[in-house]
Amino acid sequence: MKSIVPAGLRIAFWSLIGRMWDEQAPTGPHVQRVVEIVQALLPEDSARILDVGCGAGVYSVAFAEAGYDVTGVDAAHGMLARAKAKITAGLKSRLRFSEENLDKHLSLPASSFEGVVAISVLQAVESPAHAGREVLRVLKPGGVFVVLHFLRPAYYANSLWAQIRARVRILKRKTPWNVLLAAAKMMAERSNASLYWSVEELHALLRSQGFQIESTPETNPIIVVARRPATL
């Protein structure tokens, strides 16, 4: 299953939307829950964590503040600029961001991370299957992969115009540019509706790439804990 939006256009859009996305922080309320899940799995806070598709760096910062050594990667310049601005003096020794495209071969060494998190990102790449294989490659044997994935929004049953108006209402800054970006994002979401998965579909996707499903601690949004097998 692949996204129907060309990769270059998709990355350019995420760069443009960086500031608005950071302001809205749509995944923000779930940050602490994801950190707690990882802490239960990787109690050694010196463990190395990779945040794939890190966006504006909200989760990367939270993991670094918890003591982990964190690398955040994203393909969108605009998102990375927002993320890098969050590196404080106290975090710079254990938090870094770099440009990587999850649809291509990551420059990161194989078996180099104890944990990987993917926050609402697998449905936004060109090939979720390829992304999964790359995550499997960079994880150490027995390493943890935590995926957060939002369910298909209920407002998909509404007209496009109603959906756009709903999205615009929650904008913190209703500038013409932000309104245009919000409308564009809504239209892109509708075109990619097939990339919203159920729990069972997400489990199947991860298993097909070689992961072992360990648990599903949340179902709305879906949070799945998977592992790279100790031996492949």
C-alpha atoms as a PDB file:
ATOM      1  CA  MET A   1       0.000   0.000   0.000  1.00  0.00           C
ATOM      2  CA  LYS A   2       1.489   3.351  -1.016  1.00  0.00           C
ATOM      3  CA  SER A   3       0.581   7.010  -0.744  1.00  0.00           C
ATOM      4  CA  ILE A   4      -0.837   8.485  -3.937  1.00  0.00           C
ATOM      5  CA  VAL A   5       0.756  11.914  -3.310  1.00  0.00           C
ATOM      6  CA  PRO A   6       4.185  12.309  -5.009  1.00  0.00           C
ATOM      7  CA  ALA A   7       7.047  12.188  -2.504  1.00  0.00           C
ATOM      8  CA  GLY A   8       8.561  15.562  -3.442  1.00  0.00           C
ATOM      9  CA  LEU A   9       5.242  17.354  -3.125  1.00  0.00           C
ATOM     10  CA  ARG A  10       4.505  15.692   0.187  1.00  0.00           C
ATOM     11  CA  ILE A  11       7.876  16.681   1.696  1.00  0.00           C
ATOM     12  CA  ALA A  12       7.576  20.260   0.433  1.00  0.00           C
ATOM     13  CA  PHE A  13       4.144  20.550   1.988  1.00  0.00           C
ATOM     14  CA  TRP A  14       5.354  19.317   5.386  1.00  0.00           C
ATOM     15  CA  SER A  15       8.168  21.873   5.273  1.00  0.00           C
ATOM     16  CA  LEU A  16       5.675  24.656   4.617  1.00  0.00           C
ATOM     17  CA  ILE A  17       3.296  23.513   7.319  1.00  0.00           C
ATOM     18  CA  GLY A  18       6.002  23.258   9.998  1.00  0.00           C
ATOM     19  CA  ARG A  19       5.119  26.370  11.990  1.00  0.00           C
ATOM     20  CA  MET A  20       1.371  25.810  11.919  1.00  0.00           C
ATOM     21  CA  TRP A  21       1.804  22.146  12.880  1.00  0.00           C
ATOM     22  CA  ASP A  22       4.068  23.087  15.782  1.00  0.00           C
ATOM     23  CA  GLU A  23       1.540  25.617  17.061  1.00  0.00           C
ATOM     24  CA  GLN A  24      -1.339  23.158  16.935  1.00  0.00           C
ATOM     25  CA  ALA A  25       0.664  20.244  18.447  1.00  0.00           C
ATOM     26  CA  PRO A  26      -2.073  17.712  17.515  1.00  0.00           C
ATOM     27  CA  THR A  27      -0.212  14.786  19.061  1.00  0.00           C
ATOM     28  CA  GLY A  28       0.855  16.730  22.153  1.00  0.00           C
ATOM     29  CA  PRO A  29      -1.658  15.245  24.620  1.00  0.00           C
ATOM     30  CA  HIS A  30      -0.226  11.767  23.990  1.00  0.00           C
ATOM     31  CA  VAL A  31       3.448  12.603  24.571  1.00  0.00           C
ATOM     32  CA  GLN A  32       3.646  11.621  28.220  1.00  0.00           C
ATOM     33  CA  ARG A  33       1.785   8.362  27.609  1.00  0.00           C
ATOM     34  CA  VAL A  34       4.245   7.308  24.900  1.00  0.00           C
ATOM     35  CA  VAL A  35       7.219   8.256  27.075  1.00  0.00           C
ATOM     36  CA  GLU A  36       5.802   6.195  29.949  1.00  0.00           C
ATOM     37  CA  ILE A  37       5.338   3.168  27.666  1.00  0.00           C
ATOM     38  CA  VAL A  38       8.944   3.377  26.483  1.00  0.00           C
ATOM     39  CA  GLN A  39      10.250   3.894  30.026  1.00  0.00           C
ATOM     40  CA  ALA A  40       8.536   0.662  31.103  1.00  0.00           C
ATOM     41  CA  LEU A  41      10.215  -1.173  28.217  1.00  0.00           C
ATOM     42  CA  LEU A  42      13.606   0.551  28.352  1.00  0.00           C
ATOM     43  CA  PRO A  43      14.206   1.529  31.986  1.00  0.00           C
ATOM     44  CA  GLU A  44      17.812   2.458  31.270  1.00  0.00           C
ATOM     45  CA  ASP A  45      17.407   6.130  30.382  1.00  0.00           C
ATOM     46  CA  SER A  46      20.770   6.086  28.562  1.00  0.00           C
ATOM     47  CA  ALA A  47      19.221   3.946  25.820  1.00  0.00           C
ATOM     48  CA  ARG A  48      19.380   5.331  22.301  1.00  0.00           C
ATOM     49  CA  ILE A  49      16.025   6.340  20.834  1.00  0.00           C
ATOM     50  CA  LEU A  50      15.274   7.157  17.191  1.00  0.00           C
ATOM     51  CA  ASP A  51      12.245   9.336  16.470  1.00  0.00           C
ATOM     52  CA  VAL A  52      11.411   8.729  12.798  1.00  0.00           C
ATOM     53  CA  GLY A  53       9.401  11.455  11.096  1.00  0.00           C
ATOM     54  CA  CYS A  54      10.064  13.603  14.166  1.00  0.00           C
ATOM     55  CA  GLY A  55       8.342  16.674  12.723  1.00  0.00           C
ATOM     56  CA  ALA A  56       8.751  19.690  14.979  1.00  0.00           C
ATOM     57  CA  GLY A  57      10.505  17.581  17.618  1.00  0.00           C
ATOM     58  CA  VAL A  58       7.879  17.458  20.368  1.00  0.00           C
ATOM     59  CA  TYR A  59       8.415  13.776  21.179  1.00  0.00           C
ATOM     60  CA  SER A  60      12.178  13.908  20.669  1.00  0.00           C
ATOM     61  CA  VAL A  61      12.458  16.674  23.244  1.00  0.00           C
ATOM     62  CA  ALA A  62      10.275  14.768  25.717  1.00  0.00           C
ATOM     63  CA  PHE A  63      12.468  11.659  25.433  1.00  0.00           C
ATOM     64  CA  ALA A  64      15.648  13.714  25.825  1.00  0.00           C
ATOM     65  CA  GLU A  65      14.195  15.401  28.906  1.00  0.00           C
ATOM     66  CA  ALA A  66      13.536  11.904  30.279  1.00  0.00           C
ATOM     67  CA  GLY A  67      17.256  11.189  29.927  1.00  0.00           C
ATOM     68  CA  TYR A  68      17.403   9.168  26.708  1.00  0.00           C
ATOM     69  CA  ASP A  69      19.958   9.751  23.969  1.00  0.00           C
ATOM     70  CA  VAL A  70      17.705  10.855  21.103  1.00  0.00           C
ATOM     71  CA  THR A  71      18.073  11.243  17.369  1.00  0.00           C
ATOM     72  CA  GLY A  72      15.153  12.802  15.520  1.00  0.00           C
ATOM     73  CA  VAL A  73      14.976  12.482  11.737  1.00  0.00           C
ATOM     74  CA  ASP A  74      12.639  14.000   9.178  1.00  0.00           C
ATOM     75  CA  ALA A  75      12.663  14.755   5.452  1.00  0.00           C
ATOM     76  CA  ALA A  76      11.083  18.218   5.775  1.00  0.00           C
ATOM     77  CA  HIS A  77      13.433  21.193   6.243  1.00  0.00           C
ATOM     78  CA  GLY A  78      10.712  23.344   7.767  1.00  0.00           C
ATOM     79  CA  MET A  79       9.877  20.770  10.401  1.00  0.00           C
ATOM     80  CA  LEU A  80      13.537  20.243  11.277  1.00  0.00           C
ATOM     81  CA  ALA A  81      14.066  23.978  11.688  1.00  0.00           C
ATOM     82  CA  ARG A  82      11.304  24.044  14.304  1.00  0.00           C
ATOM     83  CA  ALA A  83      12.770  20.970  15.997  1.00  0.00           C
ATOM     84  CA  LYS A  84      16.338  22.276  16.150  1.00  0.00           C
ATOM     85  CA  ALA A  85      15.134  25.502  17.758  1.00  0.00           C
ATOM     86  CA  LYS A  86      14.007  23.399  20.744  1.00  0.00           C
ATOM     87  CA  ILE A  87      17.521  22.141  21.569  1.00  0.00           C
ATOM     88  CA  THR A  88      18.432  23.868  24.827  1.00  0.00           C
ATOM     89  CA  ALA A  89      21.858  23.965  26.435  1.00  0.00           C
ATOM     90  CA  GLY A  90      20.752  21.245  28.825  1.00  0.00           C
ATOM     91  CA  LEU A  91      19.662  18.921  26.015  1.00  0.00           C
ATOM     92  CA  LYS A  92      22.318  19.399  23.354  1.00  0.00           C
ATOM     93  CA  SER A  93      24.498  16.547  24.636  1.00  0.00           C
ATOM     94  CA  ARG A  94      21.739  13.991  24.110  1.00  0.00           C
ATOM     95  CA  LEU A  95      19.446  15.444  21.431  1.00  0.00           C
ATOM     96  CA  ARG A  96      20.161  15.872  17.745  1.00  0.00           C
ATOM     97  CA  PHE A  97      18.138  16.241  14.555  1.00  0.00           C
ATOM     98  CA  SER A  98      19.087  15.356  11.000  1.00  0.00           C
ATOM     99  CA  GLU A  99      17.514  15.134   7.572  1.00  0.00           C
ATOM    100  CA  GLU A 100      16.576  11.602   6.562  1.00  0.00           C
ATOM    101  CA  ASN A 101      13.908  10.304   4.210  1.00  0.00           C
ATOM    102  CA  LEU A 102      12.078   7.256   5.535  1.00  0.00           C
ATOM    103  CA  ASP A 103      11.192   6.301   1.971  1.00  0.00           C
ATOM    104  CA  LYS A 104      14.887   5.846   1.185  1.00  0.00           C
ATOM    105  CA  HIS A 105      17.800   4.013   2.778  1.00  0.00           C
ATOM    106  CA  LEU A 106      18.585   5.738   6.076  1.00  0.00           C
ATOM    107  CA  SER A 107      22.229   6.716   6.565  1.00  0.00           C
ATOM    108  CA  LEU A 108      22.034   5.389  10.136  1.00  0.00           C
ATOM    109  CA  PRO A 109      24.016   2.228  10.991  1.00  0.00           C
ATOM    110  CA  ALA A 110      22.248  -1.100  11.344  1.00  0.00           C
ATOM    111  CA  SER A 111      21.400  -2.313  14.853  1.00  0.00           C
ATOM    112  CA  SER A 112      22.214   1.060  16.428  1.00  0.00           C
ATOM    113  CA  PHE A 113      19.114   1.902  18.508  1.00  0.00           C
ATOM    114  CA  GLU A 114      17.437   0.246  21.454  1.00  0.00           C
ATOM    115  CA  GLY A 115      14.163   1.927  20.629  1.00  0.00           C
ATOM    116  CA  VAL A 116      12.380   3.600  17.710  1.00  0.00           C
ATOM    117  CA  VAL A 117       9.170   5.651  17.881  1.00  0.00           C
ATOM    118  CA  ALA A 118       6.967   6.532  14.905  1.00  0.00           C
ATOM    119  CA  ILE A 119       4.339   9.106  15.823  1.00  0.00           C
ATOM    120  CA  SER A 120       1.585   9.431  13.224  1.00  0.00           C
ATOM    121  CA  VAL A 121       4.106   8.979  10.425  1.00  0.00           C
ATOM    122  CA  LEU A 122       3.745   5.554   8.759  1.00  0.00           C
ATOM    123  CA  GLN A 123       0.584   6.655   6.952  1.00  0.00           C
ATOM    124  CA  ALA A 124       2.395   9.751   5.619  1.00  0.00           C
ATOM    125  CA  VAL A 125       5.260   8.009   3.812  1.00  0.00           C
ATOM    126  CA  GLU A 126       5.253   6.739   0.246  1.00  0.00           C
ATOM    127  CA  SER A 127       5.783   3.116   1.280  1.00  0.00           C
ATOM    128  CA  PRO A 128       4.925   2.047   4.846  1.00  0.00           C
ATOM    129  CA  ALA A 129       6.415  -1.360   4.068  1.00  0.00           C
ATOM    130  CA  HIS A 130       9.809   0.109   3.135  1.00  0.00           C
ATOM    131  CA  ALA A 131       9.720   2.374   6.195  1.00  0.00           C
ATOM    132  CA  GLY A 132       9.073  -0.637   8.407  1.00  0.00           C
ATOM    133  CA  ARG A 133      12.015  -2.514   6.921  1.00  0.00           C
ATOM    134  CA  GLU A 134      14.327   0.442   7.567  1.00  0.00           C
ATOM    135  CA  VAL A 135      13.181   0.666  11.174  1.00  0.00           C
ATOM    136  CA  LEU A 136      13.791  -3.060  11.594  1.00  0.00           C
ATOM    137  CA  ARG A 137      17.310  -2.629  10.176  1.00  0.00           C
ATOM    138  CA  VAL A 138      18.397   0.171  12.549  1.00  0.00           C
ATOM    139  CA  LEU A 139      16.920  -1.485  15.645  1.00  0.00           C
ATOM    140  CA  LYS A 140      19.129  -3.717  17.741  1.00  0.00           C
ATOM    141  CA  PRO A 141      17.969  -7.348  18.048  1.00  0.00           C
ATOM    142  CA  GLY A 142      15.227  -7.322  20.669  1.00  0.00           C
ATOM    143  CA  GLY A 143      14.802  -3.556  20.217  1.00  0.00           C
ATOM    144  CA  VAL A 144      11.458  -1.841  20.770  1.00  0.00           C
ATOM    145  CA  PHE A 145       9.322  -0.141  18.110  1.00  0.00           C
ATOM    146  CA  VAL A 146       6.448   2.012  19.388  1.00  0.00           C
ATOM    147  CA  VAL A 147       3.921   3.230  16.804  1.00  0.00           C
ATOM    148  CA  LEU A 148       1.197   5.815  17.412  1.00  0.00           C
ATOM    149  CA  HIS A 149      -1.467   5.917  14.707  1.00  0.00           C
ATOM    150  CA  PHE A 150      -4.698   7.903  14.635  1.00  0.00           C
ATOM    151  CA  LEU A 151      -7.942   6.271  13.592  1.00  0.00           C
ATOM    152  CA  ARG A 152      -9.874   7.471  10.566  1.00  0.00           C
ATOM    153  CA  PRO A 153     -11.430  10.771  11.717  1.00  0.00           C
ATOM    154  CA  ALA A 154     -15.213  10.773  12.205  1.00  0.00           C
ATOM    155  CA  TYR A 155     -15.463  14.034  10.255  1.00  0.00           C
ATOM    156  CA  TYR A 156     -14.650  12.139   7.052  1.00  0.00           C
ATOM    157  CA  ALA A 157     -18.407  11.589   6.812  1.00  0.00           C
ATOM    158  CA  ASN A 158     -18.913  15.354   6.387  1.00  0.00           C
ATOM    159  CA  SER A 159     -18.522  17.369   3.210  1.00  0.00           C
ATOM    160  CA  LEU A 160     -15.069  18.647   2.308  1.00  0.00           C
ATOM    161  CA  TRP A 161     -16.159  22.225   2.994  1.00  0.00           C
ATOM    162  CA  ALA A 162     -17.451  21.273   6.458  1.00  0.00           C
ATOM    163  CA  GLN A 163     -14.187  19.511   7.217  1.00  0.00           C
ATOM    164  CA  ILE A 164     -12.139  22.532   6.143  1.00  0.00           C
ATOM    165  CA  ARG A 165     -14.242  24.867   8.301  1.00  0.00           C
ATOM    166  CA  ALA A 166     -13.779  22.562  11.299  1.00  0.00           C
ATOM    167  CA  ARG A 167     -10.005  22.503  10.782  1.00  0.00           C
ATOM    168  CA  VAL A 168      -9.821  26.298  10.381  1.00  0.00           C
ATOM    169  CA  ARG A 169     -11.751  26.827  13.631  1.00  0.00           C
ATOM    170  CA  ILE A 170      -8.964  25.209  15.667  1.00  0.00           C
ATOM    171  CA  LEU A 171      -6.151  27.244  14.100  1.00  0.00           C
ATOM    172  CA  LYS A 172      -4.364  29.381  16.669  1.00  0.00           C
ATOM    173  CA  ARG A 173      -3.502  31.983  14.032  1.00  0.00           C
ATOM    174  CA  LYS A 174      -6.105  32.279  11.300  1.00  0.00           C
ATOM    175  CA  THR A 175      -3.884  34.015   8.762  1.00  0.00           C
ATOM    176  CA  PRO A 176      -4.729  33.580   5.065  1.00  0.00           C
ATOM    177  CA  TRP A 177      -1.613  31.409   4.701  1.00  0.00           C
ATOM    178  CA  ASN A 178      -2.554  29.144   7.599  1.00  0.00           C
ATOM    179  CA  VAL A 179      -6.119  28.828   6.307  1.00  0.00           C
ATOM    180  CA  LEU A 180      -4.779  27.831   2.873  1.00  0.00           C
ATOM    181  CA  LEU A 181      -2.425  25.252   4.419  1.00  0.00           C
ATOM    182  CA  ALA A 182      -5.216  23.841   6.588  1.00  0.00           C
ATOM    183  CA  ALA A 183      -7.463  23.445   3.546  1.00  0.00           C
ATOM    184  CA  ALA A 184      -4.669  21.811   1.553  1.00  0.00           C
ATOM    185  CA  LYS A 185      -3.941  19.377   4.379  1.00  0.00           C
ATOM    186  CA  MET A 186      -7.593  18.410   4.621  1.00  0.00           C
ATOM    187  CA  MET A 187      -7.785  17.696   0.896  1.00  0.00           C
ATOM    188  CA  ALA A 188      -4.592  15.629   1.102  1.00  0.00           C
ATOM    189  CA  GLU A 189      -6.006  13.632   4.011  1.00  0.00           C
ATOM    190  CA  ARG A 190      -9.148  12.843   2.042  1.00  0.00           C
ATOM    191  CA  SER A 191      -7.124  11.663  -0.945  1.00  0.00           C
ATOM    192  CA  ASN A 192      -5.091   9.352   1.317  1.00  0.00           C
ATOM    193  CA  ALA A 193      -7.989   8.006   3.352  1.00  0.00           C
ATOM    194  CA  SER A 194      -6.989   4.391   2.648  1.00  0.00           C
ATOM    195  CA  LEU A 195      -3.844   4.902   4.720  1.00  0.00           C
ATOM    196  CA  TYR A 196      -5.788   4.900   7.985  1.00  0.00           C
ATOM    197  CA  TRP A 197      -5.583   1.437   9.503  1.00  0.00           C
ATOM    198  CA  SER A 198      -7.422  -0.553  12.119  1.00  0.00           C
ATOM    199  CA  VAL A 199      -5.528  -2.241  14.949  1.00  0.00           C
ATOM    200  CA  GLU A 200      -5.591  -5.531  13.044  1.00  0.00           C
ATOM    201  CA  GLU A 201      -4.338  -3.938   9.821  1.00  0.00           C
ATOM    202  CA  LEU A 202      -1.509  -2.175  11.633  1.00  0.00           C
ATOM    203  CA  HIS A 203      -0.513  -5.426  13.343  1.00  0.00           C
ATOM    204  CA  ALA A 204      -0.491  -7.170   9.967  1.00  0.00           C
ATOM    205  CA  LEU A 205       1.667  -4.433   8.414  1.00  0.00           C
ATOM    206  CA  LEU A 206       4.258  -4.674  11.174  1.00  0.00           C
ATOM    207  CA  ARG A 207       4.310  -8.472  11.154  1.00  0.00           C
ATOM    208  CA  SER A 208       4.808  -8.476   7.377  1.00  0.00           C
ATOM    209  CA  GLN A 209       8.041  -6.502   7.895  1.00  0.00           C
ATOM    210  CA  GLY A 210       9.362  -8.955  10.465  1.00  0.00           C
ATOM    211  CA  PHE A 211       8.259  -7.412  13.764  1.00  0.00           C
ATOM    212  CA  GLN A 212       6.801  -9.310  16.688  1.00  0.00           C
ATOM    213  CA  ILE A 213       3.719  -7.632  18.198  1.00  0.00           C
ATOM    214  CA  GLU A 214       4.129  -7.347  21.948  1.00  0.00           C
ATOM    215  CA  SER A 215       1.113  -5.298  23.053  1.00  0.00           C
ATOM    216  CA  THR A 216      -1.436  -2.651  22.087  1.00  0.00           C
ATOM    217  CA  PRO A 217      -1.737  -0.466  25.191  1.00  0.00           C
ATOM    218  CA  GLU A 218      -4.081   2.062  23.555  1.00  0.00           C
ATOM    219  CA  THR A 219      -6.666   1.824  20.775  1.00  0.00           C
ATOM    220  CA  ASN A 220      -7.721   5.484  20.286  1.00  0.00           C
ATOM    221  CA  PRO A 221      -5.288   6.597  19.074  1.00  0.00           C
ATOM    222  CA  ILE A 222      -3.723   3.215  18.407  1.00  0.00           C
ATOM    223  CA  ILE A 223      -0.408   2.630  20.176  1.00  0.00           C
ATOM    224  CA  VAL A 224       1.347  -0.599  19.258  1.00  0.00           C
ATOM    225  CA  VAL A 225       4.480  -1.991  20.889  1.00  0.00           C
ATOM    226  CA  ALA A 226       6.480  -4.253  18.584  1.00  0.00           C
ATOM    227  CA  ARG A 227       9.969  -5.729  18.759  1.00  0.00           C
ATOM    228  CA  ARG A 228      12.689  -6.765  16.384  1.00  0.00           C
ATOM    229  CA  PRO A 229      13.181 -10.483  17.006  1.00  0.00           C
ATOM    230  CA  ALA A 230      16.381 -11.445  18.800  1.00  0.00           C
ATOM    231  CA  THR A 231      17.254 -13.457  15.691  1.00  0.00           C
ATOM    232  CA  LEU A 232      16.003 -12.835  12.163  1.00  0.00           C
END
